[in-house]
Amino acid sequence: MIQIEVPLGERSYPVLVGPAALGELSSLVPDDVRRVAFVTQENIGISTEIHLPTSTHYLPNGEEAKQLSVIESLCSAFAQGGLTRSDLIVGIGGGVVTDVAGFAAAVYHRGIRVLHVPTTLLGQIDAAIGGKTGVNLSEGKNLVGAFWQPCGVICDTELLASLPEREMRSGMGELAKYHFLGGGQLDSLPLDERVAACVRIKAEVVASDEREGGGRALLNYGHTLAHALEIEGSFDLRHGEAVAIGIEYAAMLAHEMGRISDASLEEHRRVLHAYGLPRGLPAGSNPDRIVKLFGRDKKAKNGFTFVLDGPEGLEVVEGIPENLLRKILERM
């Protein structure tokens, strides 16, 4: 079992990584908790043993769960069940579940404790770590949310064995970005160590910039195009697949701007290929719509803004010309 701490002073919390880590759930429940509300989805089907009164609340499947109306329904159910500030919410599922459970915990009674059990690779290396929660609007992804740190995270890598191949590959798309955040040759590590390495990187970034005032935005490498694709059309894309396409786009953009070498561009492509990830725009993509969505990205303060690789590594680059963005879209 590998234990990693997300160092946030009095709000620091452990992340347990390894096979059978789920068996440690009871040890992470704070001593003063009187009841536990599980938030999950019916297709997940993971049961736990906690010797406290419990209730289980099921979310809709997929992105349908990430709506304000779902948060309202969930909080109403908490109130009807008598959940108080001394109780605990446990989110069991992928990134959608931890996003929604975390946001509900942040706003119910103005904040109660939450513990996450991510069941997907994407959730274990990214979504469940760091306290970012939120739901979508028709205008964009994750535009309504809160920063609300969990009191612990359990990444049971045995749960990943039952993931469909495509869901696992989607997680690899999110993992690919960590190669360029200091992870090095992650594809050479065993799965447990690979997950733990990503968690360590994210923990360091979160500790230095909890509320995304600067460096934490680097964790969004590849996400500007990814989010645009997820909103722009009804493409058959998982989040990690969209991120992979976004990484390819960001690398091509950085190369065109003279920020990275031919060798660096090829290394980006080697990593994406190693994980069997897509790199081209889906058929039917609308460049006009995509560029418009670029302007709505949460990072965009001074013109079009992207996380790009460069001589000193990843950094947030503002004021990128629109004609350059369109040029690279046409090449993809």
C-alpha atoms as a PDB file:
ATOM      1  CA  MET A   1       0.000   0.000   0.000  1.00  0.00           C
ATOM      2  CA  ILE A   2       1.344   3.431  -0.973  1.00  0.00           C
ATOM      3  CA  GLN A   3       0.247   6.436   1.093  1.00  0.00           C
ATOM      4  CA  ILE A   4       0.677   9.961  -0.243  1.00  0.00           C
ATOM      5  CA  GLU A   5      -0.252  13.135   1.610  1.00  0.00           C
ATOM      6  CA  VAL A   6      -1.798  16.166  -0.023  1.00  0.00           C
ATOM      7  CA  PRO A   7      -0.077  18.782   2.172  1.00  0.00           C
ATOM      8  CA  LEU A   8      -2.516  21.563   3.033  1.00  0.00           C
ATOM      9  CA  GLY A   9      -1.670  22.283   6.662  1.00  0.00           C
ATOM     10  CA  GLU A  10      -4.574  21.463   8.960  1.00  0.00           C
ATOM     11  CA  ARG A  11      -6.574  20.295   5.933  1.00  0.00           C
ATOM     12  CA  SER A  12      -3.943  17.801   4.733  1.00  0.00           C
ATOM     13  CA  TYR A  13      -5.309  14.381   3.824  1.00  0.00           C
ATOM     14  CA  PRO A  14      -4.035  10.941   2.806  1.00  0.00           C
ATOM     15  CA  VAL A  15      -4.386   9.237  -0.555  1.00  0.00           C
ATOM     16  CA  LEU A  16      -4.077   5.449  -0.340  1.00  0.00           C
ATOM     17  CA  VAL A  17      -2.992   3.686  -3.533  1.00  0.00           C
ATOM     18  CA  GLY A  18      -2.815  -0.046  -4.108  1.00  0.00           C
ATOM     19  CA  PRO A  19      -4.715  -3.312  -4.477  1.00  0.00           C
ATOM     20  CA  ALA A  20      -7.395  -3.900  -1.815  1.00  0.00           C
ATOM     21  CA  ALA A  21      -7.084  -0.291  -0.614  1.00  0.00           C
ATOM     22  CA  LEU A  22     -10.882  -0.202  -0.284  1.00  0.00           C
ATOM     23  CA  GLY A  23     -10.488  -2.304   2.849  1.00  0.00           C
ATOM     24  CA  GLU A  24      -8.993   0.759   4.549  1.00  0.00           C
ATOM     25  CA  LEU A  25     -12.134   2.865   4.131  1.00  0.00           C
ATOM     26  CA  SER A  26     -13.245   2.608   7.768  1.00  0.00           C
ATOM     27  CA  SER A  27      -9.821   3.777   8.957  1.00  0.00           C
ATOM     28  CA  LEU A  28     -10.246   7.067   7.087  1.00  0.00           C
ATOM     29  CA  VAL A  29     -13.707   7.858   8.496  1.00  0.00           C
ATOM     30  CA  PRO A  30     -13.255  10.601  11.132  1.00  0.00           C
ATOM     31  CA  ASP A  31     -13.982   9.455  14.689  1.00  0.00           C
ATOM     32  CA  ASP A  32     -16.845  11.895  15.259  1.00  0.00           C
ATOM     33  CA  VAL A  33     -18.875  10.894  12.180  1.00  0.00           C
ATOM     34  CA  ARG A  34     -22.339   9.633  13.128  1.00  0.00           C
ATOM     35  CA  ARG A  35     -23.719   8.590   9.737  1.00  0.00           C
ATOM     36  CA  VAL A  36     -22.477   8.170   6.188  1.00  0.00           C
ATOM     37  CA  ALA A  37     -24.200   9.060   2.898  1.00  0.00           C
ATOM     38  CA  PHE A  38     -22.859   7.129  -0.087  1.00  0.00           C
ATOM     39  CA  VAL A  39     -23.147   8.858  -3.472  1.00  0.00           C
ATOM     40  CA  THR A  40     -22.659   6.565  -6.442  1.00  0.00           C
ATOM     41  CA  GLN A  41     -24.262   5.256  -9.651  1.00  0.00           C
ATOM     42  CA  GLU A  42     -26.241   2.068 -10.071  1.00  0.00           C
ATOM     43  CA  ASN A  43     -23.870   0.587 -12.639  1.00  0.00           C
ATOM     44  CA  ILE A  44     -20.885   0.833 -10.269  1.00  0.00           C
ATOM     45  CA  GLY A  45     -22.076  -1.734  -7.762  1.00  0.00           C
ATOM     46  CA  ILE A  46     -19.307  -1.482  -5.174  1.00  0.00           C
ATOM     47  CA  SER A  47     -20.289  -2.217  -1.591  1.00  0.00           C
ATOM     48  CA  THR A  48     -18.404  -1.280   1.567  1.00  0.00           C
ATOM     49  CA  GLU A  49     -18.690  -2.135   5.221  1.00  0.00           C
ATOM     50  CA  ILE A  50     -18.960   0.750   7.661  1.00  0.00           C
ATOM     51  CA  HIS A  51     -20.379   0.146  11.142  1.00  0.00           C
ATOM     52  CA  LEU A  52     -22.465   3.311  11.147  1.00  0.00           C
ATOM     53  CA  PRO A  53     -25.957   4.206   9.895  1.00  0.00           C
ATOM     54  CA  THR A  54     -25.734   4.705   6.127  1.00  0.00           C
ATOM     55  CA  SER A  55     -27.823   5.821   3.162  1.00  0.00           C
ATOM     56  CA  THR A  56     -27.123   5.416  -0.543  1.00  0.00           C
ATOM     57  CA  HIS A  57     -27.949   8.023  -3.188  1.00  0.00           C
ATOM     58  CA  TYR A  58     -27.783   7.157  -6.887  1.00  0.00           C
ATOM     59  CA  LEU A  59     -26.851   9.677  -9.576  1.00  0.00           C
ATOM     60  CA  PRO A  60     -27.843   9.531 -13.241  1.00  0.00           C
ATOM     61  CA  ASN A  61     -25.222   7.916 -15.460  1.00  0.00           C
ATOM     62  CA  GLY A  62     -22.705   9.944 -17.427  1.00  0.00           C
ATOM     63  CA  GLU A  63     -22.611  13.701 -17.785  1.00  0.00           C
ATOM     64  CA  GLU A  64     -26.357  13.845 -17.092  1.00  0.00           C
ATOM     65  CA  ALA A  65     -25.373  13.790 -13.420  1.00  0.00           C
ATOM     66  CA  LYS A  66     -23.436  17.039 -13.703  1.00  0.00           C
ATOM     67  CA  GLN A  67     -26.402  19.407 -13.474  1.00  0.00           C
ATOM     68  CA  LEU A  68     -27.509  21.893 -10.832  1.00  0.00           C
ATOM     69  CA  SER A  69     -30.854  20.117 -10.653  1.00  0.00           C
ATOM     70  CA  VAL A  70     -29.052  16.946  -9.552  1.00  0.00           C
ATOM     71  CA  ILE A  71     -27.240  18.866  -6.820  1.00  0.00           C
ATOM     72  CA  GLU A  72     -30.590  20.226  -5.600  1.00  0.00           C
ATOM     73  CA  SER A  73     -32.142  16.742  -5.535  1.00  0.00           C
ATOM     74  CA  LEU A  74     -29.137  15.300  -3.739  1.00  0.00           C
ATOM     75  CA  CYS A  75     -29.129  17.999  -1.067  1.00  0.00           C
ATOM     76  CA  SER A  76     -32.873  17.551  -0.558  1.00  0.00           C
ATOM     77  CA  ALA A  77     -32.299  13.832   0.010  1.00  0.00           C
ATOM     78  CA  PHE A  78     -29.562  14.645   2.537  1.00  0.00           C
ATOM     79  CA  ALA A  79     -31.919  16.984   4.393  1.00  0.00           C
ATOM     80  CA  GLN A  80     -34.740  14.439   4.412  1.00  0.00           C
ATOM     81  CA  GLY A  81     -32.326  11.881   5.839  1.00  0.00           C
ATOM     82  CA  GLY A  82     -31.201  14.220   8.592  1.00  0.00           C
ATOM     83  CA  LEU A  83     -27.608  14.546   7.422  1.00  0.00           C
ATOM     84  CA  THR A  84     -25.715  17.120   9.525  1.00  0.00           C
ATOM     85  CA  ARG A  85     -22.334  18.797   9.558  1.00  0.00           C
ATOM     86  CA  SER A  86     -20.993  16.049  11.801  1.00  0.00           C
ATOM     87  CA  ASP A  87     -21.664  13.430   9.123  1.00  0.00           C
ATOM     88  CA  LEU A  88     -19.781  12.257   6.030  1.00  0.00           C
ATOM     89  CA  ILE A  89     -20.437  11.934   2.290  1.00  0.00           C
ATOM     90  CA  VAL A  90     -18.552   9.183   0.451  1.00  0.00           C
ATOM     91  CA  GLY A  91     -18.375   9.446  -3.345  1.00  0.00           C
ATOM     92  CA  ILE A  92     -17.833   6.079  -5.048  1.00  0.00           C
ATOM     93  CA  GLY A  93     -17.383   6.178  -8.803  1.00  0.00           C
ATOM     94  CA  GLY A  94     -15.622   7.955 -11.618  1.00  0.00           C
ATOM     95  CA  GLY A  95     -14.859  11.632 -12.050  1.00  0.00           C
ATOM     96  CA  VAL A  96     -18.513  12.533 -12.561  1.00  0.00           C
ATOM     97  CA  VAL A  97     -19.421  11.055  -9.168  1.00  0.00           C
ATOM     98  CA  THR A  98     -16.561  12.686  -7.275  1.00  0.00           C
ATOM     99  CA  ASP A  99     -17.280  16.041  -8.969  1.00  0.00           C
ATOM    100  CA  VAL A 100     -20.952  15.908  -7.987  1.00  0.00           C
ATOM    101  CA  ALA A 101     -20.490  14.385  -4.516  1.00  0.00           C
ATOM    102  CA  GLY A 102     -17.765  16.919  -3.762  1.00  0.00           C
ATOM    103  CA  PHE A 103     -19.861  19.880  -4.918  1.00  0.00           C
ATOM    104  CA  ALA A 104     -22.868  18.690  -2.915  1.00  0.00           C
ATOM    105  CA  ALA A 105     -20.621  18.343   0.145  1.00  0.00           C
ATOM    106  CA  ALA A 106     -19.272  21.859  -0.413  1.00  0.00           C
ATOM    107  CA  VAL A 107     -22.693  23.512  -0.476  1.00  0.00           C
ATOM    108  CA  TYR A 108     -24.872  21.342   1.791  1.00  0.00           C
ATOM    109  CA  HIS A 109     -24.978  23.029   5.229  1.00  0.00           C
ATOM    110  CA  ARG A 110     -22.280  25.299   3.736  1.00  0.00           C
ATOM    111  CA  GLY A 111     -19.868  22.419   3.807  1.00  0.00           C
ATOM    112  CA  ILE A 112     -19.638  18.911   5.265  1.00  0.00           C
ATOM    113  CA  ARG A 113     -16.864  16.353   4.981  1.00  0.00           C
ATOM    114  CA  VAL A 114     -16.419  14.152   1.936  1.00  0.00           C
ATOM    115  CA  LEU A 115     -14.256  11.118   1.200  1.00  0.00           C
ATOM    116  CA  HIS A 116     -13.661   9.856  -2.331  1.00  0.00           C
ATOM    117  CA  VAL A 117     -13.313   6.309  -3.673  1.00  0.00           C
ATOM    118  CA  PRO A 118     -12.536   6.799  -7.388  1.00  0.00           C
ATOM    119  CA  THR A 119     -13.232   3.662  -9.410  1.00  0.00           C
ATOM    120  CA  THR A 120     -11.714   4.727 -12.736  1.00  0.00           C
ATOM    121  CA  LEU A 121      -8.131   5.457 -13.726  1.00  0.00           C
ATOM    122  CA  LEU A 122      -9.107   9.015 -14.637  1.00  0.00           C
ATOM    123  CA  GLY A 123     -10.662   9.497 -11.204  1.00  0.00           C
ATOM    124  CA  GLN A 124      -7.703   8.009  -9.348  1.00  0.00           C
ATOM    125  CA  ILE A 125      -5.002  10.087 -11.007  1.00  0.00           C
ATOM    126  CA  ASP A 126      -6.902  13.327 -11.389  1.00  0.00           C
ATOM    127  CA  ALA A 127     -10.573  14.027 -10.669  1.00  0.00           C
ATOM    128  CA  ALA A 128     -10.706  12.839  -7.049  1.00  0.00           C
ATOM    129  CA  ILE A 129      -7.491  14.607  -5.986  1.00  0.00           C
ATOM    130  CA  GLY A 130      -7.271  18.296  -5.204  1.00  0.00           C
ATOM    131  CA  GLY A 131     -10.764  19.442  -4.266  1.00  0.00           C
ATOM    132  CA  LYS A 132     -12.042  20.760  -7.610  1.00  0.00           C
ATOM    133  CA  THR A 133     -15.759  20.065  -7.866  1.00  0.00           C
ATOM    134  CA  GLY A 134     -18.464  21.237 -10.194  1.00  0.00           C
ATOM    135  CA  VAL A 135     -21.272  20.754 -12.675  1.00  0.00           C
ATOM    136  CA  ASN A 136     -21.878  21.881 -16.236  1.00  0.00           C
ATOM    137  CA  LEU A 137     -23.993  24.566 -17.863  1.00  0.00           C
ATOM    138  CA  SER A 138     -25.149  24.498 -21.467  1.00  0.00           C
ATOM    139  CA  GLU A 139     -22.531  27.203 -22.042  1.00  0.00           C
ATOM    140  CA  GLY A 140     -19.607  25.097 -20.857  1.00  0.00           C
ATOM    141  CA  LYS A 141     -18.151  22.358 -18.679  1.00  0.00           C
ATOM    142  CA  ASN A 142     -17.566  22.827 -14.967  1.00  0.00           C
ATOM    143  CA  LEU A 143     -18.626  26.470 -14.988  1.00  0.00           C
ATOM    144  CA  VAL A 144     -20.361  26.149 -11.583  1.00  0.00           C
ATOM    145  CA  GLY A 145     -18.503  24.586  -8.693  1.00  0.00           C
ATOM    146  CA  ALA A 146     -16.362  25.022  -5.617  1.00  0.00           C
ATOM    147  CA  PHE A 147     -12.967  24.095  -4.220  1.00  0.00           C
ATOM    148  CA  TRP A 148     -13.701  21.583  -1.466  1.00  0.00           C
ATOM    149  CA  GLN A 149     -10.966  19.252  -0.293  1.00  0.00           C
ATOM    150  CA  PRO A 150     -11.846  15.697   0.753  1.00  0.00           C
ATOM    151  CA  CYS A 151     -10.724  14.240   4.069  1.00  0.00           C
ATOM    152  CA  GLY A 152      -9.207  11.268   2.255  1.00  0.00           C
ATOM    153  CA  VAL A 153      -9.032   9.420  -1.066  1.00  0.00           C
ATOM    154  CA  ILE A 154      -8.820   5.666  -1.666  1.00  0.00           C
ATOM    155  CA  CYS A 155      -7.410   4.528  -5.011  1.00  0.00           C
ATOM    156  CA  ASP A 156      -7.952   0.770  -5.068  1.00  0.00           C
ATOM    157  CA  THR A 157      -6.126  -0.323  -8.210  1.00  0.00           C
ATOM    158  CA  GLU A 158      -7.887  -3.719  -8.194  1.00  0.00           C
ATOM    159  CA  LEU A 159     -11.067  -1.871  -9.172  1.00  0.00           C
ATOM    160  CA  LEU A 160      -9.430  -0.917 -12.472  1.00  0.00           C
ATOM    161  CA  ALA A 161      -9.272  -4.555 -13.606  1.00  0.00           C
ATOM    162  CA  SER A 162     -13.005  -4.547 -14.295  1.00  0.00           C
ATOM    163  CA  LEU A 163     -12.990  -1.353 -16.366  1.00  0.00           C
ATOM    164  CA  PRO A 164     -13.955  -1.663 -20.037  1.00  0.00           C
ATOM    165  CA  GLU A 165     -10.923  -1.288 -22.293  1.00  0.00           C
ATOM    166  CA  ARG A 166     -12.079   2.035 -23.644  1.00  0.00           C
ATOM    167  CA  GLU A 167     -12.675   3.474 -20.162  1.00  0.00           C
ATOM    168  CA  MET A 168      -9.150   2.454 -19.173  1.00  0.00           C
ATOM    169  CA  ARG A 169      -7.764   4.054 -22.326  1.00  0.00           C
ATOM    170  CA  SER A 170      -9.661   7.234 -21.496  1.00  0.00           C
ATOM    171  CA  GLY A 171      -7.810   7.364 -18.189  1.00  0.00           C
ATOM    172  CA  MET A 172      -4.554   6.987 -20.078  1.00  0.00           C
ATOM    173  CA  GLY A 173      -5.387  10.202 -21.929  1.00  0.00           C
ATOM    174  CA  GLU A 174      -5.426  12.076 -18.625  1.00  0.00           C
ATOM    175  CA  LEU A 175      -2.320  10.200 -17.499  1.00  0.00           C
ATOM    176  CA  ALA A 176      -0.435  11.232 -20.657  1.00  0.00           C
ATOM    177  CA  LYS A 177      -0.308  14.865 -19.536  1.00  0.00           C
ATOM    178  CA  TYR A 178       1.692  13.862 -16.438  1.00  0.00           C
ATOM    179  CA  HIS A 179       4.591  12.828 -18.687  1.00  0.00           C
ATOM    180  CA  PHE A 180       5.010  16.549 -19.386  1.00  0.00           C
ATOM    181  CA  LEU A 181       4.474  17.662 -15.776  1.00  0.00           C
ATOM    182  CA  GLY A 182       7.605  15.944 -14.510  1.00  0.00           C
ATOM    183  CA  GLY A 183       6.416  12.344 -14.663  1.00  0.00           C
ATOM    184  CA  GLY A 184       9.071  11.227 -17.150  1.00  0.00           C
ATOM    185  CA  GLN A 185       8.704   7.727 -18.568  1.00  0.00           C
ATOM    186  CA  LEU A 186       5.522   6.790 -16.712  1.00  0.00           C
ATOM    187  CA  ASP A 187       4.704   4.116 -19.273  1.00  0.00           C
ATOM    188  CA  SER A 188       7.639   2.053 -17.940  1.00  0.00           C
ATOM    189  CA  LEU A 189       6.174   1.756 -14.407  1.00  0.00           C
ATOM    190  CA  PRO A 190       3.797  -0.868 -12.959  1.00  0.00           C
ATOM    191  CA  LEU A 191       0.215   0.388 -12.679  1.00  0.00           C
ATOM    192  CA  ASP A 192       0.242   1.020  -8.895  1.00  0.00           C
ATOM    193  CA  GLU A 193       3.443   3.068  -9.132  1.00  0.00           C
ATOM    194  CA  ARG A 194       2.141   4.898 -12.192  1.00  0.00           C
ATOM    195  CA  VAL A 195      -1.011   5.951 -10.330  1.00  0.00           C
ATOM    196  CA  ALA A 196       1.017   6.930  -7.251  1.00  0.00           C
ATOM    197  CA  ALA A 197       3.439   9.002  -9.358  1.00  0.00           C
ATOM    198  CA  CYS A 198       0.557  10.971 -10.856  1.00  0.00           C
ATOM    199  CA  VAL A 199      -0.989  11.506  -7.414  1.00  0.00           C
ATOM    200  CA  ARG A 200       2.342  12.824  -6.066  1.00  0.00           C
ATOM    201  CA  ILE A 201       2.636  15.308  -8.929  1.00  0.00           C
ATOM    202  CA  LYS A 202      -0.921  16.512  -8.474  1.00  0.00           C
ATOM    203  CA  ALA A 203      -0.494  16.761  -4.682  1.00  0.00           C
ATOM    204  CA  GLU A 204       2.560  19.002  -5.149  1.00  0.00           C
ATOM    205  CA  VAL A 205       0.746  21.238  -7.634  1.00  0.00           C
ATOM    206  CA  VAL A 206      -2.363  21.501  -5.442  1.00  0.00           C
ATOM    207  CA  ALA A 207      -0.267  22.332  -2.360  1.00  0.00           C
ATOM    208  CA  SER A 208       1.430  25.202  -4.180  1.00  0.00           C
ATOM    209  CA  ASP A 209      -1.720  26.579  -5.847  1.00  0.00           C
ATOM    210  CA  GLU A 210      -4.884  25.195  -4.273  1.00  0.00           C
ATOM    211  CA  ARG A 211      -7.346  27.510  -6.014  1.00  0.00           C
ATOM    212  CA  GLU A 212      -5.818  27.616  -9.484  1.00  0.00           C
ATOM    213  CA  GLY A 213      -4.379  31.101  -9.211  1.00  0.00           C
ATOM    214  CA  GLY A 214      -1.326  30.162 -11.240  1.00  0.00           C
ATOM    215  CA  GLY A 215       0.566  26.898 -11.456  1.00  0.00           C
ATOM    216  CA  ARG A 216      -2.425  24.608 -11.000  1.00  0.00           C
ATOM    217  CA  ALA A 217      -3.708  25.652 -14.402  1.00  0.00           C
ATOM    218  CA  LEU A 218      -0.872  23.541 -15.843  1.00  0.00           C
ATOM    219  CA  LEU A 219      -2.924  20.469 -14.896  1.00  0.00           C
ATOM    220  CA  ASN A 220      -5.262  21.539 -17.690  1.00  0.00           C
ATOM    221  CA  TYR A 221      -2.703  20.651 -20.352  1.00  0.00           C
ATOM    222  CA  GLY A 222      -4.670  19.519 -23.392  1.00  0.00           C
ATOM    223  CA  HIS A 223      -7.992  20.463 -21.827  1.00  0.00           C
ATOM    224  CA  THR A 224      -8.802  23.652 -23.767  1.00  0.00           C
ATOM    225  CA  LEU A 225      -9.511  21.804 -27.000  1.00  0.00           C
ATOM    226  CA  ALA A 226     -10.781  18.780 -25.056  1.00  0.00           C
ATOM    227  CA  HIS A 227     -13.533  20.758 -23.345  1.00  0.00           C
ATOM    228  CA  ALA A 228     -14.436  22.484 -26.610  1.00  0.00           C
ATOM    229  CA  LEU A 229     -14.839  19.111 -28.332  1.00  0.00           C
ATOM    230  CA  GLU A 230     -16.935  17.774 -25.476  1.00  0.00           C
ATOM    231  CA  ILE A 231     -19.313  20.722 -25.770  1.00  0.00           C
ATOM    232  CA  GLU A 232     -19.158  21.369 -29.527  1.00  0.00           C
ATOM    233  CA  GLY A 233     -20.725  18.205 -30.786  1.00  0.00           C
ATOM    234  CA  SER A 234     -22.217  14.832 -29.991  1.00  0.00           C
ATOM    235  CA  PHE A 235     -18.938  13.097 -30.705  1.00  0.00           C
ATOM    236  CA  ASP A 236     -18.285   9.582 -29.490  1.00  0.00           C
ATOM    237  CA  LEU A 237     -15.412  10.789 -27.299  1.00  0.00           C
ATOM    238  CA  ARG A 238     -14.503   9.984 -23.706  1.00  0.00           C
ATOM    239  CA  HIS A 239     -12.892  12.750 -21.658  1.00  0.00           C
ATOM    240  CA  GLY A 240      -9.416  11.213 -21.793  1.00  0.00           C
ATOM    241  CA  GLU A 241      -9.664  10.716 -25.531  1.00  0.00           C
ATOM    242  CA  ALA A 242     -10.570  14.384 -25.944  1.00  0.00           C
ATOM    243  CA  VAL A 243      -7.614  15.346 -23.718  1.00  0.00           C
ATOM    244  CA  ALA A 244      -5.288  13.285 -25.911  1.00  0.00           C
ATOM    245  CA  ILE A 245      -6.469  15.184 -29.005  1.00  0.00           C
ATOM    246  CA  GLY A 246      -5.999  18.397 -27.014  1.00  0.00           C
ATOM    247  CA  ILE A 247      -2.415  17.435 -26.143  1.00  0.00           C
ATOM    248  CA  GLU A 248      -1.640  16.762 -29.818  1.00  0.00           C
ATOM    249  CA  TYR A 249      -3.136  20.158 -30.713  1.00  0.00           C
ATOM    250  CA  ALA A 250      -1.213  21.978 -27.968  1.00  0.00           C
ATOM    251  CA  ALA A 251       2.039  20.322 -29.050  1.00  0.00           C
ATOM    252  CA  MET A 252       1.467  21.297 -32.688  1.00  0.00           C
ATOM    253  CA  LEU A 253       0.633  24.840 -31.608  1.00  0.00           C
ATOM    254  CA  ALA A 254       3.771  25.095 -29.457  1.00  0.00           C
ATOM    255  CA  HIS A 255       5.879  23.698 -32.306  1.00  0.00           C
ATOM    256  CA  GLU A 256       4.419  26.197 -34.791  1.00  0.00           C
ATOM    257  CA  MET A 257       5.245  29.025 -32.333  1.00  0.00           C
ATOM    258  CA  GLY A 258       8.842  27.826 -32.055  1.00  0.00           C
ATOM    259  CA  ARG A 259       8.459  26.882 -28.406  1.00  0.00           C
ATOM    260  CA  ILE A 260       9.377  23.194 -28.791  1.00  0.00           C
ATOM    261  CA  SER A 261      11.659  21.228 -31.115  1.00  0.00           C
ATOM    262  CA  ASP A 262      10.844  18.540 -33.645  1.00  0.00           C
ATOM    263  CA  ALA A 263      12.072  15.972 -31.100  1.00  0.00           C
ATOM    264  CA  SER A 264       9.715  17.292 -28.422  1.00  0.00           C
ATOM    265  CA  LEU A 265       6.766  17.163 -30.815  1.00  0.00           C
ATOM    266  CA  GLU A 266       7.629  13.558 -31.651  1.00  0.00           C
ATOM    267  CA  GLU A 267       7.883  12.696 -27.934  1.00  0.00           C
ATOM    268  CA  HIS A 268       4.335  13.970 -27.444  1.00  0.00           C
ATOM    269  CA  ARG A 269       3.206  11.740 -30.284  1.00  0.00           C
ATOM    270  CA  ARG A 270       5.190   8.747 -28.930  1.00  0.00           C
ATOM    271  CA  VAL A 271       3.417   9.020 -25.558  1.00  0.00           C
ATOM    272  CA  LEU A 272      -0.038   9.271 -27.129  1.00  0.00           C
ATOM    273  CA  HIS A 273       0.729   6.339 -29.417  1.00  0.00           C
ATOM    274  CA  ALA A 274       2.041   4.242 -26.501  1.00  0.00           C
ATOM    275  CA  TYR A 275      -1.353   4.508 -24.816  1.00  0.00           C
ATOM    276  CA  GLY A 276      -3.312   3.877 -28.020  1.00  0.00           C
ATOM    277  CA  LEU A 277      -4.915   7.319 -27.933  1.00  0.00           C
ATOM    278  CA  PRO A 278      -6.549   9.325 -30.766  1.00  0.00           C
ATOM    279  CA  ARG A 279      -4.798  12.421 -32.104  1.00  0.00           C
ATOM    280  CA  GLY A 280      -7.016  13.850 -34.853  1.00  0.00           C
ATOM    281  CA  LEU A 281     -10.163  15.972 -34.744  1.00  0.00           C
ATOM    282  CA  PRO A 282     -13.409  14.002 -35.001  1.00  0.00           C
ATOM    283  CA  ALA A 283     -15.122  14.116 -38.366  1.00  0.00           C
ATOM    284  CA  GLY A 284     -17.656  16.919 -38.494  1.00  0.00           C
ATOM    285  CA  SER A 285     -15.813  19.241 -36.111  1.00  0.00           C
ATOM    286  CA  ASN A 286     -16.770  22.886 -36.571  1.00  0.00           C
ATOM    287  CA  PRO A 287     -13.685  25.166 -36.322  1.00  0.00           C
ATOM    288  CA  ASP A 288     -15.813  28.302 -35.876  1.00  0.00           C
ATOM    289  CA  ARG A 289     -17.652  26.777 -32.927  1.00  0.00           C
ATOM    290  CA  ILE A 290     -14.420  25.407 -31.443  1.00  0.00           C
ATOM    291  CA  VAL A 291     -12.657  28.786 -31.587  1.00  0.00           C
ATOM    292  CA  LYS A 292     -15.679  30.456 -29.986  1.00  0.00           C
ATOM    293  CA  LEU A 293     -15.513  27.934 -27.150  1.00  0.00           C
ATOM    294  CA  PHE A 294     -11.772  28.587 -26.751  1.00  0.00           C
ATOM    295  CA  GLY A 295     -12.737  32.125 -25.742  1.00  0.00           C
ATOM    296  CA  ARG A 296     -14.997  30.820 -22.960  1.00  0.00           C
ATOM    297  CA  ASP A 297     -12.278  28.710 -21.358  1.00  0.00           C
ATOM    298  CA  LYS A 298     -11.837  29.524 -17.656  1.00  0.00           C
ATOM    299  CA  LYS A 299      -8.143  30.342 -18.232  1.00  0.00           C
ATOM    300  CA  ALA A 300      -8.969  32.936 -20.885  1.00  0.00           C
ATOM    301  CA  LYS A 301      -8.395  36.338 -19.248  1.00  0.00           C
ATOM    302  CA  ASN A 302      -6.281  38.147 -21.827  1.00  0.00           C
ATOM    303  CA  GLY A 303      -7.305  36.721 -25.178  1.00  0.00           C
ATOM    304  CA  PHE A 304      -7.020  33.110 -26.263  1.00  0.00           C
ATOM    305  CA  THR A 305      -5.112  31.222 -23.583  1.00  0.00           C
ATOM    306  CA  PHE A 306      -3.519  27.775 -23.636  1.00  0.00           C
ATOM    307  CA  VAL A 307      -1.196  25.687 -21.524  1.00  0.00           C
ATOM    308  CA  LEU A 308       1.771  25.071 -23.823  1.00  0.00           C
ATOM    309  CA  ASP A 309       5.092  23.286 -23.580  1.00  0.00           C
ATOM    310  CA  GLY A 310       8.264  25.304 -23.984  1.00  0.00           C
ATOM    311  CA  PRO A 311      11.956  25.596 -23.104  1.00  0.00           C
ATOM    312  CA  GLU A 312      11.164  25.775 -19.373  1.00  0.00           C
ATOM    313  CA  GLY A 313       8.360  23.223 -19.469  1.00  0.00           C
ATOM    314  CA  LEU A 314       4.630  23.824 -19.386  1.00  0.00           C
ATOM    315  CA  GLU A 315       3.303  27.351 -18.889  1.00  0.00           C
ATOM    316  CA  VAL A 316       0.127  29.349 -19.437  1.00  0.00           C
ATOM    317  CA  VAL A 317       0.421  31.397 -22.635  1.00  0.00           C
ATOM    318  CA  GLU A 318      -2.005  34.267 -23.275  1.00  0.00           C
ATOM    319  CA  GLY A 319      -2.903  36.304 -26.329  1.00  0.00           C
ATOM    320  CA  ILE A 320      -2.486  33.585 -28.965  1.00  0.00           C
ATOM    321  CA  PRO A 321      -3.611  34.885 -32.395  1.00  0.00           C
ATOM    322  CA  GLU A 322      -6.884  33.451 -33.664  1.00  0.00           C
ATOM    323  CA  ASN A 323      -5.497  32.841 -37.145  1.00  0.00           C
ATOM    324  CA  LEU A 324      -2.816  30.575 -35.657  1.00  0.00           C
ATOM    325  CA  LEU A 325      -5.404  28.579 -33.724  1.00  0.00           C
ATOM    326  CA  ARG A 326      -7.411  28.076 -36.899  1.00  0.00           C
ATOM    327  CA  LYS A 327      -4.296  27.102 -38.871  1.00  0.00           C
ATOM    328  CA  ILE A 328      -3.499  24.239 -36.507  1.00  0.00           C
ATOM    329  CA  LEU A 329      -7.149  23.110 -36.408  1.00  0.00           C
ATOM    330  CA  GLU A 330      -7.058  22.840 -40.202  1.00  0.00           C
ATOM    331  CA  ARG A 331      -3.929  20.663 -40.023  1.00  0.00           C
ATOM    332  CA  MET A 332      -5.642  18.224 -37.647  1.00  0.00           C
END
